[in-house]
Amino acid sequence: GSATHPVIGVSVDMTDRSEDGARVGGDDDRPGVVRGGPADKAGIRDGDLITAVDGARVRNGEELIVRIRSHRPGDKLELTVERNGKERKVTVTLGTAGRE
């Protein structure tokens, strides 16, 4: 069988060393938020800062990925998202990504 892992459908800035959270942001090759993906459906936008998963703080993109991968596709996670200084909680249902 092929390995699948859970995804929320965002690219995060792995160069951001601020430790404030995981900054959603793409580059020339990929969008910050995958259109029609779990994060898009939950209302997450490019530039948002994801600061917690199920209430557990995430300081950077790496921590966000580790938290997401400890779950399974189809699981629901509550993400704490900051935009323009305002914090809100959104529920995301994890999608799947096959191994590339």
N, C-alpha and C. Protein backbone atom coordinates (compact mmCIF):
# COMPACT_ATOMS: atom_id res chain seq x y z
N GLY A 1 0.84 -1.19 0.00
CA GLY A 1 0.00 0.00 0.00
C GLY A 1 0.88 1.24 0.00
N SER A 2 0.30 2.35 -0.37
CA SER A 2 1.07 3.59 -0.37
C SER A 2 0.85 4.34 0.93
N ALA A 3 1.86 5.02 1.37
CA ALA A 3 1.76 5.77 2.62
C ALA A 3 1.02 7.08 2.38
N THR A 4 0.12 7.39 3.27
CA THR A 4 -0.54 8.70 3.19
C THR A 4 -0.32 9.39 4.52
N HIS A 5 -0.28 10.70 4.48
CA HIS A 5 -0.21 11.44 5.73
C HIS A 5 -1.23 12.55 5.70
N PRO A 6 -1.66 12.97 6.89
CA PRO A 6 -2.69 14.00 6.97
C PRO A 6 -2.14 15.36 6.61
N VAL A 7 -2.96 16.17 5.97
CA VAL A 7 -2.56 17.53 5.61
C VAL A 7 -3.72 18.48 5.87
N ILE A 8 -3.37 19.77 6.06
CA ILE A 8 -4.42 20.78 6.15
C ILE A 8 -4.46 21.64 4.90
N GLY A 9 -3.51 21.43 4.00
CA GLY A 9 -3.54 22.16 2.74
C GLY A 9 -3.00 23.57 2.81
N VAL A 10 -1.89 23.74 3.54
CA VAL A 10 -1.22 25.04 3.56
C VAL A 10 0.28 24.83 3.37
N SER A 11 0.93 25.87 2.88
CA SER A 11 2.39 25.93 2.93
C SER A 11 2.72 26.87 4.08
N VAL A 12 3.75 26.52 4.84
CA VAL A 12 4.15 27.42 5.93
C VAL A 12 5.56 27.91 5.69
N ASP A 13 5.84 29.08 6.20
CA ASP A 13 7.14 29.71 6.03
C ASP A 13 8.13 29.05 6.98
N MET A 14 9.01 28.19 6.44
CA MET A 14 9.97 27.48 7.28
C MET A 14 11.17 28.35 7.64
N THR A 15 11.26 29.56 7.09
CA THR A 15 12.40 30.42 7.39
C THR A 15 12.08 31.40 8.51
N ASP A 16 10.81 31.46 8.91
CA ASP A 16 10.40 32.39 9.96
C ASP A 16 10.90 31.89 11.30
N ARG A 17 11.80 32.64 11.92
CA ARG A 17 12.39 32.21 13.19
C ARG A 17 11.82 32.96 14.39
N SER A 18 10.67 33.59 14.22
CA SER A 18 10.13 34.43 15.29
C SER A 18 9.60 33.63 16.47
N GLU A 19 9.28 32.34 16.26
CA GLU A 19 8.72 31.50 17.32
C GLU A 19 7.32 31.94 17.75
N ASP A 20 6.67 32.78 16.93
CA ASP A 20 5.32 33.25 17.26
C ASP A 20 4.26 32.23 16.87
N GLY A 21 4.58 31.39 15.91
CA GLY A 21 3.61 30.45 15.38
C GLY A 21 4.04 30.03 13.99
N ALA A 22 3.14 29.34 13.29
CA ALA A 22 3.42 28.91 11.92
C ALA A 22 2.75 29.88 10.97
N ARG A 23 3.55 30.62 10.22
CA ARG A 23 3.03 31.62 9.28
C ARG A 23 2.65 30.95 7.96
N VAL A 24 1.39 31.09 7.58
CA VAL A 24 0.93 30.53 6.31
C VAL A 24 1.46 31.40 5.18
N GLY A 25 2.17 30.80 4.25
CA GLY A 25 2.70 31.58 3.14
C GLY A 25 3.33 30.70 2.10
N GLY A 26 3.00 30.94 0.86
CA GLY A 26 3.57 30.15 -0.21
C GLY A 26 4.76 30.86 -0.82
N ASP A 27 5.18 30.37 -1.97
CA ASP A 27 6.23 31.04 -2.72
C ASP A 27 5.82 31.00 -4.19
N ASP A 28 6.75 31.22 -5.07
CA ASP A 28 6.40 31.26 -6.49
C ASP A 28 5.85 29.93 -6.99
N ASP A 29 6.29 28.84 -6.37
CA ASP A 29 5.90 27.51 -6.85
C ASP A 29 4.59 27.00 -6.28
N ARG A 30 4.24 27.43 -5.08
CA ARG A 30 3.02 26.90 -4.49
C ARG A 30 2.31 27.97 -3.68
N PRO A 31 0.99 27.87 -3.65
CA PRO A 31 0.21 28.86 -2.91
C PRO A 31 0.32 28.62 -1.41
N GLY A 32 0.04 29.65 -0.62
CA GLY A 32 0.03 29.49 0.82
C GLY A 32 -1.10 28.59 1.26
N VAL A 33 -2.25 28.74 0.62
CA VAL A 33 -3.42 27.93 0.96
C VAL A 33 -3.88 27.21 -0.31
N VAL A 34 -3.98 25.89 -0.24
CA VAL A 34 -4.43 25.11 -1.38
C VAL A 34 -5.92 25.33 -1.59
N ARG A 35 -6.29 25.79 -2.78
CA ARG A 35 -7.70 26.09 -3.06
C ARG A 35 -8.55 24.83 -2.93
N GLY A 36 -9.63 24.93 -2.15
CA GLY A 36 -10.53 23.79 -1.97
C GLY A 36 -10.05 22.80 -0.93
N GLY A 37 -8.87 23.06 -0.34
CA GLY A 37 -8.33 22.16 0.68
C GLY A 37 -8.95 22.42 2.05
N PRO A 38 -8.58 21.62 3.05
CA PRO A 38 -9.16 21.75 4.39
C PRO A 38 -9.01 23.15 4.99
N ALA A 39 -7.82 23.75 4.87
CA ALA A 39 -7.61 25.08 5.47
C ALA A 39 -8.44 26.14 4.75
N ASP A 40 -8.51 26.02 3.42
CA ASP A 40 -9.30 26.96 2.62
C ASP A 40 -10.76 26.90 3.07
N LYS A 41 -11.29 25.69 3.23
CA LYS A 41 -12.69 25.53 3.65
C LYS A 41 -12.92 26.09 5.05
N ALA A 42 -11.87 26.08 5.88
CA ALA A 42 -12.00 26.60 7.25
C ALA A 42 -11.81 28.11 7.31
N GLY A 43 -11.47 28.72 6.16
CA GLY A 43 -11.31 30.18 6.13
C GLY A 43 -9.92 30.68 6.43
N ILE A 44 -8.93 29.80 6.42
CA ILE A 44 -7.55 30.23 6.65
C ILE A 44 -7.02 30.89 5.37
N ARG A 45 -6.29 31.99 5.55
CA ARG A 45 -5.79 32.76 4.41
C ARG A 45 -4.27 32.89 4.46
N ASP A 46 -3.71 33.20 3.30
CA ASP A 46 -2.29 33.50 3.19
C ASP A 46 -1.92 34.59 4.19
N GLY A 47 -0.84 34.40 4.94
CA GLY A 47 -0.42 35.42 5.90
C GLY A 47 -0.93 35.18 7.30
N ASP A 48 -1.91 34.28 7.47
CA ASP A 48 -2.41 33.97 8.81
C ASP A 48 -1.29 33.30 9.62
N LEU A 49 -1.38 33.46 10.93
CA LEU A 49 -0.42 32.84 11.84
C LEU A 49 -1.15 31.77 12.64
N ILE A 50 -0.75 30.52 12.49
CA ILE A 50 -1.36 29.44 13.26
C ILE A 50 -0.55 29.30 14.55
N THR A 51 -1.22 29.53 15.68
CA THR A 51 -0.50 29.59 16.96
C THR A 51 -0.74 28.38 17.85
N ALA A 52 -1.78 27.58 17.56
CA ALA A 52 -2.06 26.41 18.39
C ALA A 52 -2.87 25.38 17.62
N VAL A 53 -2.68 24.11 18.00
CA VAL A 53 -3.47 23.00 17.47
C VAL A 53 -4.12 22.33 18.67
N ASP A 54 -5.45 22.28 18.68
CA ASP A 54 -6.19 21.72 19.82
C ASP A 54 -5.71 22.31 21.14
N GLY A 55 -5.44 23.60 21.14
CA GLY A 55 -5.04 24.29 22.36
C GLY A 55 -3.57 24.16 22.72
N ALA A 56 -2.83 23.33 21.98
CA ALA A 56 -1.39 23.17 22.27
C ALA A 56 -0.61 24.13 21.38
N ARG A 57 0.20 24.97 22.01
CA ARG A 57 0.95 26.01 21.32
C ARG A 57 1.87 25.44 20.24
N VAL A 58 1.91 26.08 19.08
CA VAL A 58 2.94 25.76 18.08
C VAL A 58 3.76 27.02 17.84
N ARG A 59 5.08 26.87 17.83
CA ARG A 59 5.96 28.03 17.71
C ARG A 59 6.45 28.26 16.29
N ASN A 60 6.37 27.24 15.43
CA ASN A 60 6.88 27.39 14.07
C ASN A 60 6.26 26.34 13.15
N GLY A 61 6.61 26.42 11.88
CA GLY A 61 6.05 25.51 10.89
C GLY A 61 6.35 24.06 11.17
N GLU A 62 7.57 23.80 11.66
CA GLU A 62 7.96 22.42 11.95
C GLU A 62 7.06 21.81 13.02
N GLU A 63 6.81 22.57 14.10
CA GLU A 63 5.95 22.07 15.17
C GLU A 63 4.53 21.83 14.67
N LEU A 64 4.06 22.71 13.79
CA LEU A 64 2.71 22.53 13.23
C LEU A 64 2.64 21.21 12.47
N ILE A 65 3.64 20.94 11.64
CA ILE A 65 3.66 19.72 10.84
C ILE A 65 3.69 18.48 11.74
N VAL A 66 4.52 18.52 12.78
CA VAL A 66 4.60 17.40 13.72
C VAL A 66 3.24 17.15 14.37
N ARG A 67 2.58 18.22 14.81
CA ARG A 67 1.25 18.07 15.44
C ARG A 67 0.24 17.46 14.48
N ILE A 68 0.22 17.96 13.25
CA ILE A 68 -0.74 17.46 12.26
C ILE A 68 -0.48 15.99 11.95
N ARG A 69 0.78 15.64 11.80
CA ARG A 69 1.12 14.26 11.42
C ARG A 69 0.89 13.26 12.54
N SER A 70 0.64 13.74 13.77
CA SER A 70 0.33 12.81 14.85
C SER A 70 -1.14 12.41 14.81
N HIS A 71 -1.88 12.95 13.84
CA HIS A 71 -3.29 12.63 13.67
C HIS A 71 -3.48 11.83 12.39
N ARG A 72 -4.75 11.51 12.09
CA ARG A 72 -5.04 10.75 10.88
C ARG A 72 -5.95 11.54 9.96
N PRO A 73 -5.86 11.27 8.66
CA PRO A 73 -6.78 11.93 7.73
C PRO A 73 -8.22 11.70 8.19
N GLY A 74 -9.03 12.76 8.12
CA GLY A 74 -10.42 12.67 8.57
C GLY A 74 -10.61 13.18 9.99
N ASP A 75 -9.52 13.25 10.79
CA ASP A 75 -9.62 13.81 12.14
C ASP A 75 -9.94 15.30 12.04
N LYS A 76 -10.64 15.80 13.06
CA LYS A 76 -10.91 17.23 13.14
C LYS A 76 -9.97 17.86 14.16
N LEU A 77 -9.35 18.96 13.78
CA LEU A 77 -8.47 19.69 14.68
C LEU A 77 -8.98 21.10 14.84
N GLU A 78 -8.80 21.64 16.05
CA GLU A 78 -9.12 23.05 16.26
C GLU A 78 -7.82 23.84 16.18
N LEU A 79 -7.75 24.74 15.20
CA LEU A 79 -6.56 25.58 15.05
C LEU A 79 -6.85 26.96 15.60
N THR A 80 -5.90 27.52 16.31
CA THR A 80 -5.99 28.91 16.74
C THR A 80 -5.21 29.72 15.72
N VAL A 81 -5.89 30.68 15.12
CA VAL A 81 -5.33 31.45 14.00
C VAL A 81 -5.37 32.93 14.34
N GLU A 82 -4.26 33.61 14.06
CA GLU A 82 -4.19 35.05 14.30
C GLU A 82 -4.10 35.78 12.96
N ARG A 83 -4.94 36.79 12.80
CA ARG A 83 -4.91 37.62 11.60
C ARG A 83 -5.15 39.06 12.02
N ASN A 84 -4.27 39.96 11.61
CA ASN A 84 -4.39 41.38 11.97
C ASN A 84 -4.55 41.57 13.48
N GLY A 85 -3.81 40.79 14.27
CA GLY A 85 -3.85 40.94 15.71
C GLY A 85 -5.06 40.34 16.39
N LYS A 86 -5.99 39.78 15.63
CA LYS A 86 -7.18 39.15 16.22
C LYS A 86 -7.04 37.64 16.15
N GLU A 87 -7.38 37.00 17.27
CA GLU A 87 -7.25 35.55 17.33
C GLU A 87 -8.63 34.91 17.18
N ARG A 88 -8.67 33.81 16.44
CA ARG A 88 -9.93 33.07 16.37
C ARG A 88 -9.62 31.58 16.25
N LYS A 89 -10.62 30.77 16.55
CA LYS A 89 -10.44 29.32 16.46
C LYS A 89 -11.24 28.80 15.28
N VAL A 90 -10.62 27.93 14.51
CA VAL A 90 -11.31 27.31 13.37
C VAL A 90 -11.13 25.80 13.45
N THR A 91 -12.11 25.08 12.94
CA THR A 91 -12.02 23.62 12.91
C THR A 91 -11.67 23.18 11.50
N VAL A 92 -10.65 22.34 11.42
CA VAL A 92 -10.17 21.84 10.13
C VAL A 92 -10.29 20.32 10.15
N THR A 93 -10.84 19.75 9.09
CA THR A 93 -10.86 18.29 8.93
C THR A 93 -9.68 17.91 8.06
N LEU A 94 -8.81 17.06 8.60
CA LEU A 94 -7.58 16.71 7.88
C LEU A 94 -7.86 15.97 6.58
N GLY A 95 -7.13 16.36 5.55
CA GLY A 95 -7.19 15.67 4.26
C GLY A 95 -6.03 14.69 4.17
N THR A 96 -5.85 14.11 3.00
CA THR A 96 -4.74 13.17 2.82
C THR A 96 -3.81 13.64 1.72
N ALA A 97 -2.57 13.26 1.87
CA ALA A 97 -1.59 13.50 0.82
C ALA A 97 -0.86 12.19 0.61
N GLY A 98 -0.78 11.75 -0.61
CA GLY A 98 -0.01 10.55 -0.90
C GLY A 98 1.46 10.89 -0.90
N ARG A 99 2.29 9.89 -0.85
CA ARG A 99 3.73 10.17 -0.91
C ARG A 99 4.08 10.57 -2.33
N GLU A 100 4.87 11.62 -2.46
CA GLU A 100 5.20 12.11 -3.81
C GLU A 100 6.44 11.42 -4.34
